[in-house]
Amino acid sequence: MLGLNLAGRRPRNPGWNQWPEIVWTDASHGRWLGDLPHSWVGATFLHAIRTALVYERASDQALVLAAGVPAAWLATGEPLRVARLSTWWGPLDYELRRTASGLHVRIGGLRSPPPGGVVLAPPDVDPVTVRELPADFEVQANE
């Protein structure tokens, strides 16, 4: 979703790259684009970023972390850090860092864990539910 949003920016010349109201599949022909920038498209992009990092799952009152984080964001070994991100249960802090065998994880910042726990769910790791915070642990990557 993030890549699709970024690819939809028009016109593709230096200094523009805005999200228009309308995106044509053939960007080589000039056509009407509608409003530039179109704010609901920008808002959708921000929502996609937040959802990749964290979302509240109402069905079981869980807070889900990193379910949409692209592997490339962790591939360098540099940590991915989230600080004071607003959630239903208060501000969230977390950090993920790729290790030789999986991910090193730190979670904190919430007043208390949500009723359904904090679910770590990056794409290459089996989901882990955390019920005590702060937490500092390592998880194995799927092979």
N, C-alpha and C. Protein backbone atom coordinates (compact mmCIF):
# COMPACT_ATOMS: atom_id res chain seq x y z
N MET A 1 0.82 -1.18 0.00
CA MET A 1 0.00 0.00 0.00
C MET A 1 0.87 1.26 0.00
N LEU A 2 1.95 1.23 0.77
CA LEU A 2 2.83 2.39 0.82
C LEU A 2 3.44 2.67 -0.55
N GLY A 3 3.93 1.61 -1.20
CA GLY A 3 4.53 1.76 -2.52
C GLY A 3 3.53 2.25 -3.55
N LEU A 4 2.32 1.75 -3.48
CA LEU A 4 1.26 2.18 -4.40
C LEU A 4 0.97 3.67 -4.22
N ASN A 5 0.89 4.11 -2.98
CA ASN A 5 0.66 5.53 -2.72
C ASN A 5 1.80 6.38 -3.25
N LEU A 6 3.03 5.96 -3.01
CA LEU A 6 4.18 6.74 -3.48
C LEU A 6 4.24 6.77 -5.00
N ALA A 7 3.90 5.67 -5.65
CA ALA A 7 3.95 5.60 -7.11
C ALA A 7 2.88 6.48 -7.75
N GLY A 8 1.83 6.82 -7.01
CA GLY A 8 0.75 7.61 -7.57
C GLY A 8 0.97 9.11 -7.56
N ARG A 9 2.12 9.55 -7.09
CA ARG A 9 2.38 11.00 -7.07
C ARG A 9 2.58 11.53 -8.49
N ARG A 10 2.03 12.71 -8.76
CA ARG A 10 2.12 13.33 -10.07
C ARG A 10 2.30 14.83 -9.91
N PRO A 11 2.67 15.56 -10.95
CA PRO A 11 3.48 15.07 -12.05
C PRO A 11 4.85 14.64 -11.53
N ARG A 12 5.48 13.76 -12.26
CA ARG A 12 6.75 13.17 -11.81
C ARG A 12 7.94 14.01 -12.27
N ASN A 13 7.96 15.22 -11.89
CA ASN A 13 9.13 16.04 -12.19
C ASN A 13 9.62 16.64 -10.87
N PRO A 14 10.88 17.02 -10.80
CA PRO A 14 11.42 17.55 -9.54
C PRO A 14 10.59 18.72 -9.03
N GLY A 15 10.33 18.69 -7.75
CA GLY A 15 9.61 19.79 -7.14
C GLY A 15 8.11 19.59 -7.03
N TRP A 16 7.55 18.60 -7.70
CA TRP A 16 6.12 18.37 -7.61
C TRP A 16 5.86 17.11 -6.80
N ASN A 17 5.65 15.99 -7.46
CA ASN A 17 5.39 14.72 -6.78
C ASN A 17 4.33 14.85 -5.69
N GLN A 18 3.18 15.39 -6.05
CA GLN A 18 2.08 15.54 -5.11
C GLN A 18 1.04 14.47 -5.38
N TRP A 19 0.14 14.27 -4.43
CA TRP A 19 -0.93 13.31 -4.61
C TRP A 19 -2.13 14.01 -5.22
N PRO A 20 -2.43 13.70 -6.48
CA PRO A 20 -3.59 14.32 -7.12
C PRO A 20 -4.88 13.58 -6.78
N GLU A 21 -5.96 14.22 -7.16
CA GLU A 21 -7.28 13.62 -6.98
C GLU A 21 -7.45 12.41 -7.91
N ILE A 22 -6.85 12.47 -9.09
CA ILE A 22 -6.99 11.42 -10.10
C ILE A 22 -5.60 10.99 -10.56
N VAL A 23 -5.37 9.69 -10.67
CA VAL A 23 -4.10 9.17 -11.19
C VAL A 23 -4.40 8.29 -12.39
N TRP A 24 -3.75 8.60 -13.51
CA TRP A 24 -3.89 7.78 -14.72
C TRP A 24 -2.78 6.74 -14.73
N THR A 25 -3.05 5.56 -15.26
CA THR A 25 -2.03 4.51 -15.28
C THR A 25 -0.88 4.84 -16.22
N ASP A 26 -1.14 5.60 -17.27
CA ASP A 26 -0.08 5.99 -18.19
C ASP A 26 0.37 7.41 -17.86
N ALA A 27 1.43 7.52 -17.08
CA ALA A 27 1.91 8.83 -16.62
C ALA A 27 2.63 9.62 -17.70
N SER A 28 2.89 8.99 -18.86
CA SER A 28 3.64 9.69 -19.92
C SER A 28 2.78 10.70 -20.67
N HIS A 29 1.46 10.62 -20.54
CA HIS A 29 0.57 11.56 -21.23
C HIS A 29 0.00 12.54 -20.20
N GLY A 30 0.04 13.80 -20.54
CA GLY A 30 -0.55 14.80 -19.66
C GLY A 30 -2.06 14.71 -19.68
N ARG A 31 -2.66 14.64 -18.54
CA ARG A 31 -4.12 14.60 -18.43
C ARG A 31 -4.52 15.39 -17.19
N TRP A 32 -5.80 15.62 -17.07
CA TRP A 32 -6.34 16.32 -15.91
C TRP A 32 -6.09 15.48 -14.66
N LEU A 33 -5.58 16.09 -13.61
CA LEU A 33 -5.26 15.38 -12.37
C LEU A 33 -6.18 15.74 -11.22
N GLY A 34 -7.00 16.75 -11.39
CA GLY A 34 -7.84 17.19 -10.28
C GLY A 34 -7.04 18.09 -9.34
N ASP A 35 -7.48 18.17 -8.12
CA ASP A 35 -6.83 19.04 -7.14
C ASP A 35 -5.43 18.54 -6.80
N LEU A 36 -4.50 19.50 -6.66
CA LEU A 36 -3.13 19.19 -6.23
C LEU A 36 -2.73 20.15 -5.13
N PRO A 37 -2.25 19.72 -4.01
CA PRO A 37 -2.33 18.35 -3.53
C PRO A 37 -3.75 18.04 -3.05
N HIS A 38 -4.12 16.81 -3.13
CA HIS A 38 -5.45 16.40 -2.69
C HIS A 38 -5.31 15.82 -1.28
N SER A 39 -5.83 16.54 -0.29
CA SER A 39 -5.51 16.20 1.10
C SER A 39 -6.01 14.86 1.57
N TRP A 40 -7.14 14.34 1.06
CA TRP A 40 -7.57 13.03 1.55
C TRP A 40 -6.61 11.95 1.09
N VAL A 41 -5.93 12.13 -0.04
CA VAL A 41 -4.96 11.14 -0.49
C VAL A 41 -3.74 11.16 0.43
N GLY A 42 -3.29 12.35 0.81
CA GLY A 42 -2.20 12.47 1.77
C GLY A 42 -2.58 11.86 3.12
N ALA A 43 -3.82 12.08 3.55
CA ALA A 43 -4.29 11.50 4.81
C ALA A 43 -4.31 9.98 4.73
N THR A 44 -4.69 9.44 3.58
CA THR A 44 -4.68 7.99 3.40
C THR A 44 -3.27 7.44 3.50
N PHE A 45 -2.29 8.16 2.96
CA PHE A 45 -0.90 7.73 3.06
C PHE A 45 -0.45 7.71 4.52
N LEU A 46 -0.76 8.76 5.27
CA LEU A 46 -0.39 8.80 6.69
C LEU A 46 -1.07 7.68 7.47
N HIS A 47 -2.33 7.40 7.15
CA HIS A 47 -3.04 6.31 7.81
C HIS A 47 -2.38 4.96 7.49
N ALA A 48 -1.94 4.79 6.24
CA ALA A 48 -1.26 3.54 5.86
C ALA A 48 0.05 3.37 6.63
N ILE A 49 0.80 4.46 6.81
CA ILE A 49 2.05 4.39 7.58
C ILE A 49 1.75 4.00 9.03
N ARG A 50 0.76 4.67 9.64
CA ARG A 50 0.43 4.36 11.03
C ARG A 50 -0.02 2.90 11.17
N THR A 51 -0.85 2.45 10.25
CA THR A 51 -1.35 1.07 10.31
C THR A 51 -0.22 0.07 10.12
N ALA A 52 0.77 0.39 9.30
CA ALA A 52 1.94 -0.50 9.16
C ALA A 52 2.68 -0.61 10.48
N LEU A 53 2.72 0.47 11.24
CA LEU A 53 3.45 0.49 12.52
C LEU A 53 2.62 -0.03 13.68
N VAL A 54 1.34 0.35 13.75
CA VAL A 54 0.48 -0.03 14.88
C VAL A 54 -0.99 0.15 14.48
N TYR A 55 -1.83 -0.76 14.98
CA TYR A 55 -3.27 -0.53 14.87
C TYR A 55 -3.98 -1.20 16.04
N GLU A 56 -5.13 -0.64 16.40
CA GLU A 56 -5.94 -1.17 17.47
C GLU A 56 -6.92 -2.18 16.88
N ARG A 57 -6.92 -3.40 17.42
CA ARG A 57 -7.82 -4.45 16.94
C ARG A 57 -9.00 -4.51 17.91
N ALA A 58 -10.12 -3.95 17.50
CA ALA A 58 -11.28 -3.83 18.37
C ALA A 58 -11.87 -5.17 18.78
N SER A 59 -11.78 -6.18 17.91
CA SER A 59 -12.42 -7.47 18.19
C SER A 59 -11.95 -8.11 19.48
N ASP A 60 -10.69 -7.92 19.85
CA ASP A 60 -10.18 -8.50 21.10
C ASP A 60 -9.45 -7.48 21.97
N GLN A 61 -9.59 -6.19 21.62
CA GLN A 61 -8.96 -5.11 22.39
C GLN A 61 -7.45 -5.27 22.48
N ALA A 62 -6.84 -5.67 21.36
CA ALA A 62 -5.38 -5.84 21.30
C ALA A 62 -4.77 -4.69 20.51
N LEU A 63 -3.52 -4.43 20.80
CA LEU A 63 -2.74 -3.45 20.06
C LEU A 63 -1.74 -4.23 19.22
N VAL A 64 -1.82 -4.11 17.90
CA VAL A 64 -1.00 -4.91 16.98
C VAL A 64 0.15 -4.05 16.47
N LEU A 65 1.37 -4.56 16.62
CA LEU A 65 2.57 -3.83 16.22
C LEU A 65 3.22 -4.43 14.99
N ALA A 66 3.63 -3.58 14.09
CA ALA A 66 4.53 -3.90 12.97
C ALA A 66 3.97 -4.87 11.94
N ALA A 67 2.67 -5.04 11.88
CA ALA A 67 2.09 -6.01 10.94
C ALA A 67 2.33 -5.64 9.48
N GLY A 68 2.53 -4.37 9.19
CA GLY A 68 2.76 -3.95 7.81
C GLY A 68 4.14 -3.38 7.56
N VAL A 69 5.06 -3.61 8.48
CA VAL A 69 6.40 -3.06 8.32
C VAL A 69 7.13 -3.81 7.21
N PRO A 70 7.55 -3.11 6.16
CA PRO A 70 8.29 -3.78 5.08
C PRO A 70 9.63 -4.33 5.59
N ALA A 71 10.03 -5.48 5.10
CA ALA A 71 11.29 -6.10 5.50
C ALA A 71 12.47 -5.15 5.28
N ALA A 72 12.41 -4.34 4.25
CA ALA A 72 13.51 -3.41 3.94
C ALA A 72 13.76 -2.42 5.07
N TRP A 73 12.72 -2.09 5.84
CA TRP A 73 12.89 -1.15 6.94
C TRP A 73 13.78 -1.71 8.05
N LEU A 74 13.89 -3.04 8.12
CA LEU A 74 14.68 -3.68 9.17
C LEU A 74 15.95 -4.33 8.63
N ALA A 75 16.10 -4.41 7.33
CA ALA A 75 17.18 -5.19 6.71
C ALA A 75 18.57 -4.66 7.02
N THR A 76 18.71 -3.38 7.29
CA THR A 76 20.04 -2.81 7.50
C THR A 76 20.62 -3.12 8.87
N GLY A 77 19.79 -3.59 9.79
CA GLY A 77 20.24 -3.81 11.16
C GLY A 77 20.07 -2.58 12.04
N GLU A 78 19.73 -1.45 11.43
CA GLU A 78 19.43 -0.25 12.22
C GLU A 78 18.06 -0.43 12.86
N PRO A 79 17.87 0.09 14.07
CA PRO A 79 16.57 -0.10 14.72
C PRO A 79 15.47 0.75 14.08
N LEU A 80 14.27 0.21 14.10
CA LEU A 80 13.07 0.95 13.76
C LEU A 80 12.49 1.40 15.09
N ARG A 81 12.36 2.71 15.28
CA ARG A 81 11.88 3.24 16.55
C ARG A 81 10.57 4.00 16.37
N VAL A 82 9.66 3.74 17.29
CA VAL A 82 8.40 4.46 17.36
C VAL A 82 8.36 5.10 18.75
N ALA A 83 8.10 6.39 18.82
CA ALA A 83 8.10 7.09 20.11
C ALA A 83 6.83 7.92 20.28
N ARG A 84 6.17 7.72 21.40
CA ARG A 84 5.00 8.50 21.80
C ARG A 84 3.89 8.50 20.74
N LEU A 85 3.70 7.38 20.08
CA LEU A 85 2.63 7.27 19.08
C LEU A 85 1.30 7.06 19.81
N SER A 86 0.34 7.92 19.56
CA SER A 86 -0.95 7.85 20.25
C SER A 86 -1.71 6.58 19.90
N THR A 87 -2.24 5.91 20.93
CA THR A 87 -3.09 4.73 20.76
C THR A 87 -4.27 4.86 21.71
N TRP A 88 -5.21 3.94 21.61
CA TRP A 88 -6.36 3.93 22.52
C TRP A 88 -5.91 3.80 23.98
N TRP A 89 -4.76 3.20 24.20
CA TRP A 89 -4.29 2.93 25.56
C TRP A 89 -3.15 3.84 25.98
N GLY A 90 -2.99 4.94 25.30
CA GLY A 90 -1.95 5.91 25.64
C GLY A 90 -0.79 5.86 24.67
N PRO A 91 0.21 6.72 24.90
CA PRO A 91 1.36 6.80 24.00
C PRO A 91 2.18 5.51 24.02
N LEU A 92 2.60 5.08 22.85
CA LEU A 92 3.36 3.84 22.68
C LEU A 92 4.78 4.15 22.24
N ASP A 93 5.73 3.42 22.83
CA ASP A 93 7.12 3.43 22.37
C ASP A 93 7.47 1.99 22.02
N TYR A 94 8.13 1.79 20.89
CA TYR A 94 8.71 0.47 20.64
C TYR A 94 9.89 0.58 19.71
N GLU A 95 10.71 -0.47 19.75
CA GLU A 95 11.90 -0.53 18.91
C GLU A 95 12.06 -1.96 18.43
N LEU A 96 12.34 -2.12 17.14
CA LEU A 96 12.64 -3.42 16.53
C LEU A 96 14.01 -3.32 15.88
N ARG A 97 14.82 -4.34 16.08
CA ARG A 97 16.14 -4.37 15.44
C ARG A 97 16.41 -5.79 14.96
N ARG A 98 16.75 -5.92 13.68
CA ARG A 98 17.08 -7.22 13.09
C ARG A 98 18.34 -7.74 13.74
N THR A 99 18.33 -9.03 14.10
CA THR A 99 19.51 -9.71 14.63
C THR A 99 19.81 -10.88 13.72
N ALA A 100 20.87 -11.61 14.01
CA ALA A 100 21.24 -12.76 13.18
C ALA A 100 20.14 -13.81 13.15
N SER A 101 19.39 -13.95 14.25
CA SER A 101 18.39 -15.02 14.31
C SER A 101 16.94 -14.54 14.29
N GLY A 102 16.72 -13.25 14.32
CA GLY A 102 15.34 -12.77 14.35
C GLY A 102 15.25 -11.28 14.60
N LEU A 103 14.50 -10.91 15.65
CA LEU A 103 14.30 -9.50 15.99
C LEU A 103 14.49 -9.29 17.48
N HIS A 104 15.17 -8.21 17.82
CA HIS A 104 15.22 -7.76 19.21
C HIS A 104 14.11 -6.73 19.35
N VAL A 105 13.30 -6.84 20.41
CA VAL A 105 12.10 -6.04 20.57
C VAL A 105 12.11 -5.35 21.93
N ARG A 106 11.77 -4.08 21.94
CA ARG A 106 11.52 -3.33 23.18
C ARG A 106 10.17 -2.65 23.04
N ILE A 107 9.32 -2.80 24.04
CA ILE A 107 7.99 -2.19 24.02
C ILE A 107 7.77 -1.48 25.35
N GLY A 108 7.26 -0.28 25.30
CA GLY A 108 6.97 0.46 26.52
C GLY A 108 6.09 1.65 26.22
N GLY A 109 6.01 2.53 27.21
CA GLY A 109 5.29 3.78 27.02
C GLY A 109 3.81 3.75 27.36
N LEU A 110 3.16 2.61 27.29
CA LEU A 110 1.73 2.54 27.59
C LEU A 110 1.50 2.60 29.09
N ARG A 111 0.36 3.15 29.50
CA ARG A 111 0.01 3.16 30.93
C ARG A 111 -0.09 1.74 31.47
N SER A 112 -0.72 0.88 30.69
CA SER A 112 -0.84 -0.54 31.02
C SER A 112 -1.14 -1.28 29.73
N PRO A 113 -0.90 -2.60 29.71
CA PRO A 113 -1.20 -3.34 28.47
C PRO A 113 -2.70 -3.31 28.17
N PRO A 114 -3.07 -3.31 26.91
CA PRO A 114 -4.48 -3.40 26.54
C PRO A 114 -5.06 -4.73 27.02
N PRO A 115 -6.39 -4.84 27.16
CA PRO A 115 -7.00 -6.09 27.60
C PRO A 115 -6.60 -7.30 26.76
N GLY A 116 -6.45 -7.12 25.45
CA GLY A 116 -6.06 -8.23 24.57
C GLY A 116 -4.56 -8.38 24.40
N GLY A 117 -3.79 -7.56 25.11
CA GLY A 117 -2.34 -7.61 25.01
C GLY A 117 -1.80 -6.79 23.85
N VAL A 118 -0.49 -6.76 23.79
CA VAL A 118 0.22 -6.14 22.67
C VAL A 118 0.71 -7.28 21.79
N VAL A 119 0.28 -7.30 20.55
CA VAL A 119 0.61 -8.39 19.64
C VAL A 119 1.69 -7.91 18.67
N LEU A 120 2.86 -8.51 18.78
CA LEU A 120 3.94 -8.23 17.83
C LEU A 120 3.70 -9.13 16.63
N ALA A 121 3.56 -8.54 15.43
CA ALA A 121 3.18 -9.33 14.26
C ALA A 121 3.88 -8.91 12.98
N PRO A 122 5.21 -8.71 13.00
CA PRO A 122 5.87 -8.38 11.73
C PRO A 122 5.76 -9.54 10.75
N PRO A 123 5.83 -9.27 9.45
CA PRO A 123 5.58 -10.29 8.45
C PRO A 123 6.41 -11.57 8.55
N ASP A 124 7.65 -11.53 9.01
CA ASP A 124 8.48 -12.74 9.00
C ASP A 124 8.63 -13.40 10.37
N VAL A 125 7.75 -13.06 11.31
CA VAL A 125 7.82 -13.62 12.66
C VAL A 125 6.43 -14.10 13.05
N ASP A 126 6.35 -15.26 13.72
CA ASP A 126 5.05 -15.70 14.24
C ASP A 126 4.58 -14.69 15.28
N PRO A 127 3.29 -14.34 15.30
CA PRO A 127 2.80 -13.35 16.26
C PRO A 127 3.09 -13.75 17.70
N VAL A 128 3.46 -12.76 18.50
CA VAL A 128 3.75 -12.94 19.92
C VAL A 128 2.89 -11.96 20.69
N THR A 129 2.16 -12.44 21.70
CA THR A 129 1.34 -11.56 22.53
C THR A 129 2.06 -11.25 23.83
N VAL A 130 2.19 -9.97 24.12
CA VAL A 130 2.88 -9.50 25.32
C VAL A 130 1.82 -8.96 26.27
N ARG A 131 1.86 -9.39 27.53
CA ARG A 131 0.87 -8.97 28.51
C ARG A 131 1.46 -8.19 29.68
N GLU A 132 2.79 -8.06 29.71
CA GLU A 132 3.45 -7.28 30.76
C GLU A 132 4.39 -6.28 30.11
N LEU A 133 4.29 -5.02 30.57
CA LEU A 133 5.12 -3.96 30.02
C LEU A 133 5.86 -3.25 31.15
N PRO A 134 7.02 -2.71 30.88
CA PRO A 134 7.75 -2.74 29.62
C PRO A 134 8.26 -4.14 29.31
N ALA A 135 8.57 -4.37 28.05
CA ALA A 135 9.06 -5.68 27.61
C ALA A 135 10.33 -5.50 26.78
N ASP A 136 11.25 -6.43 26.92
CA ASP A 136 12.51 -6.43 26.18
C ASP A 136 12.84 -7.89 25.91
N PHE A 137 12.77 -8.31 24.64
CA PHE A 137 12.94 -9.73 24.32
C PHE A 137 13.40 -9.90 22.88
N GLU A 138 13.72 -11.14 22.52
CA GLU A 138 14.10 -11.48 21.15
C GLU A 138 13.16 -12.56 20.64
N VAL A 139 12.78 -12.45 19.38
CA VAL A 139 11.95 -13.47 18.73
C VAL A 139 12.69 -14.02 17.53
N GLN A 140 12.46 -15.29 17.26
CA GLN A 140 13.09 -15.97 16.12
C GLN A 140 12.32 -15.66 14.85
N ALA A 141 13.03 -15.47 13.77
CA ALA A 141 12.41 -15.26 12.46
C ALA A 141 11.98 -16.61 11.89
N ASN A 142 10.93 -16.59 11.08
CA ASN A 142 10.52 -17.79 10.35
C ASN A 142 11.55 -18.10 9.28
N GLU A 143 11.77 -19.36 9.04
CA GLU A 143 12.76 -19.75 8.02
C GLU A 143 12.10 -19.95 6.69
